[in-house]
């Protein structure tokens, strides 16, 4: 039995595997996977906007660390 070697890109290197020649591979493809979850829905979009609003108010109400008071 003759084996055919396949090299697939993987990060900065590659994966190598062999399959029997009589298998007659026509297509190598990843299996279908569910899409990634919506990041805003995962953590709550209102939480993120509330934090961003709080940061904006906080940074404008404090003096700059480089500003000296006399």
C-alpha atoms as a PDB file:
ATOM      1  CA  UNK A   1       0.000   0.000   0.000  1.00  0.00           C
ATOM      2  CA  UNK A   2       1.416   3.348  -1.055  1.00  0.00           C
ATOM      3  CA  UNK A   3       0.861   6.295   1.333  1.00  0.00           C
ATOM      4  CA  UNK A   4       0.390   9.884   0.190  1.00  0.00           C
ATOM      5  CA  UNK A   5       1.691  12.625   2.508  1.00  0.00           C
ATOM      6  CA  UNK A   6      -0.323  15.811   2.999  1.00  0.00           C
ATOM      7  CA  UNK A   7       1.010  19.043   4.519  1.00  0.00           C
ATOM      8  CA  UNK A   8      -1.536  21.528   5.872  1.00  0.00           C
ATOM      9  CA  UNK A   9      -0.585  25.040   7.066  1.00  0.00           C
ATOM     10  CA  UNK A  10      -1.015  25.350  10.829  1.00  0.00           C
ATOM     11  CA  UNK A  11       0.074  28.578  12.521  1.00  0.00           C
ATOM     12  CA  UNK A  12       3.739  29.226  11.698  1.00  0.00           C
ATOM     13  CA  UNK A  13       4.345  25.583  10.762  1.00  0.00           C
ATOM     14  CA  UNK A  14       2.304  22.785   9.222  1.00  0.00           C
ATOM     15  CA  UNK A  15       0.653  19.480  10.044  1.00  0.00           C
ATOM     16  CA  UNK A  16       1.728  16.412   8.133  1.00  0.00           C
ATOM     17  CA  UNK A  17      -0.282  13.226   7.772  1.00  0.00           C
ATOM     18  CA  UNK A  18      -0.486  10.319   5.375  1.00  0.00           C
ATOM     19  CA  UNK A  19      -3.420   8.516   3.806  1.00  0.00           C
ATOM     20  CA  UNK A  20      -3.504   5.359   1.715  1.00  0.00           C
ATOM     21  CA  UNK A  21      -3.287   6.062  -2.009  1.00  0.00           C
ATOM     22  CA  UNK A  22      -6.364   3.933  -2.691  1.00  0.00           C
ATOM     23  CA  UNK A  23      -8.544   6.223  -0.515  1.00  0.00           C
ATOM     24  CA  UNK A  24      -8.926   8.691  -3.447  1.00  0.00           C
ATOM     25  CA  UNK A  25      -9.170  11.927  -1.472  1.00  0.00           C
ATOM     26  CA  UNK A  26     -10.784  14.674  -3.533  1.00  0.00           C
ATOM     27  CA  UNK A  27     -11.228  17.388  -0.920  1.00  0.00           C
ATOM     28  CA  UNK A  28      -9.651  18.144   2.442  1.00  0.00           C
ATOM     29  CA  UNK A  29     -11.731  20.645   4.389  1.00  0.00           C
ATOM     30  CA  UNK A  30     -12.526  21.402   8.029  1.00  0.00           C
ATOM     31  CA  UNK A  31     -15.838  20.199   9.328  1.00  0.00           C
ATOM     32  CA  UNK A  32     -18.595  22.764   9.791  1.00  0.00           C
ATOM     33  CA  UNK A  33     -18.541  24.497  13.153  1.00  0.00           C
ATOM     34  CA  UNK A  34     -20.935  26.881  14.835  1.00  0.00           C
ATOM     35  CA  UNK A  35     -20.039  30.546  14.469  1.00  0.00           C
ATOM     36  CA  UNK A  36     -18.549  32.497  17.341  1.00  0.00           C
ATOM     37  CA  UNK A  37     -20.967  34.017  19.824  1.00  0.00           C
ATOM     38  CA  UNK A  38     -21.746  37.728  19.605  1.00  0.00           C
ATOM     39  CA  UNK A  39     -19.305  39.305  22.109  1.00  0.00           C
ATOM     40  CA  UNK A  40     -21.694  42.106  23.102  1.00  0.00           C
ATOM     41  CA  UNK A  41     -24.501  39.655  23.778  1.00  0.00           C
ATOM     42  CA  UNK A  42     -22.135  37.361  25.702  1.00  0.00           C
ATOM     43  CA  UNK A  43     -21.217  40.047  28.266  1.00  0.00           C
ATOM     44  CA  UNK A  44     -24.271  42.268  27.958  1.00  0.00           C
ATOM     45  CA  UNK A  45     -24.087  45.304  25.691  1.00  0.00           C
ATOM     46  CA  UNK A  46     -25.477  47.611  28.401  1.00  0.00           C
ATOM     47  CA  UNK A  47     -22.675  46.638  30.775  1.00  0.00           C
ATOM     48  CA  UNK A  48     -20.030  47.649  28.255  1.00  0.00           C
ATOM     49  CA  UNK A  49     -21.648  50.990  27.429  1.00  0.00           C
ATOM     50  CA  UNK A  50     -22.149  51.736  31.133  1.00  0.00           C
ATOM     51  CA  UNK A  51     -18.470  51.051  31.813  1.00  0.00           C
ATOM     52  CA  UNK A  52     -17.375  53.225  28.912  1.00  0.00           C
ATOM     53  CA  UNK A  53     -19.617  56.060  30.111  1.00  0.00           C
ATOM     54  CA  UNK A  54     -18.249  55.729  33.645  1.00  0.00           C
ATOM     55  CA  UNK A  55     -14.672  55.832  32.396  1.00  0.00           C
ATOM     56  CA  UNK A  56     -15.402  58.966  30.386  1.00  0.00           C
ATOM     57  CA  UNK A  57     -16.895  60.765  33.402  1.00  0.00           C
ATOM     58  CA  UNK A  58     -14.120  59.589  35.695  1.00  0.00           C
ATOM     59  CA  UNK A  59     -11.281  60.765  33.487  1.00  0.00           C
ATOM     60  CA  UNK A  60     -12.795  64.226  32.942  1.00  0.00           C
ATOM     61  CA  UNK A  61     -13.500  64.874  36.632  1.00  0.00           C
ATOM     62  CA  UNK A  62      -9.964  64.229  37.879  1.00  0.00           C
ATOM     63  CA  UNK A  63      -7.031  66.554  37.313  1.00  0.00           C
ATOM     64  CA  UNK A  64      -4.276  65.305  35.064  1.00  0.00           C
ATOM     65  CA  UNK A  65      -1.485  63.505  36.980  1.00  0.00           C
ATOM     66  CA  UNK A  66       1.011  65.936  35.442  1.00  0.00           C
ATOM     67  CA  UNK A  67      -0.905  69.016  36.690  1.00  0.00           C
ATOM     68  CA  UNK A  68       0.483  70.522  39.896  1.00  0.00           C
ATOM     69  CA  UNK A  69      -1.610  72.323  42.450  1.00  0.00           C
ATOM     70  CA  UNK A  70      -0.127  75.397  44.109  1.00  0.00           C
END
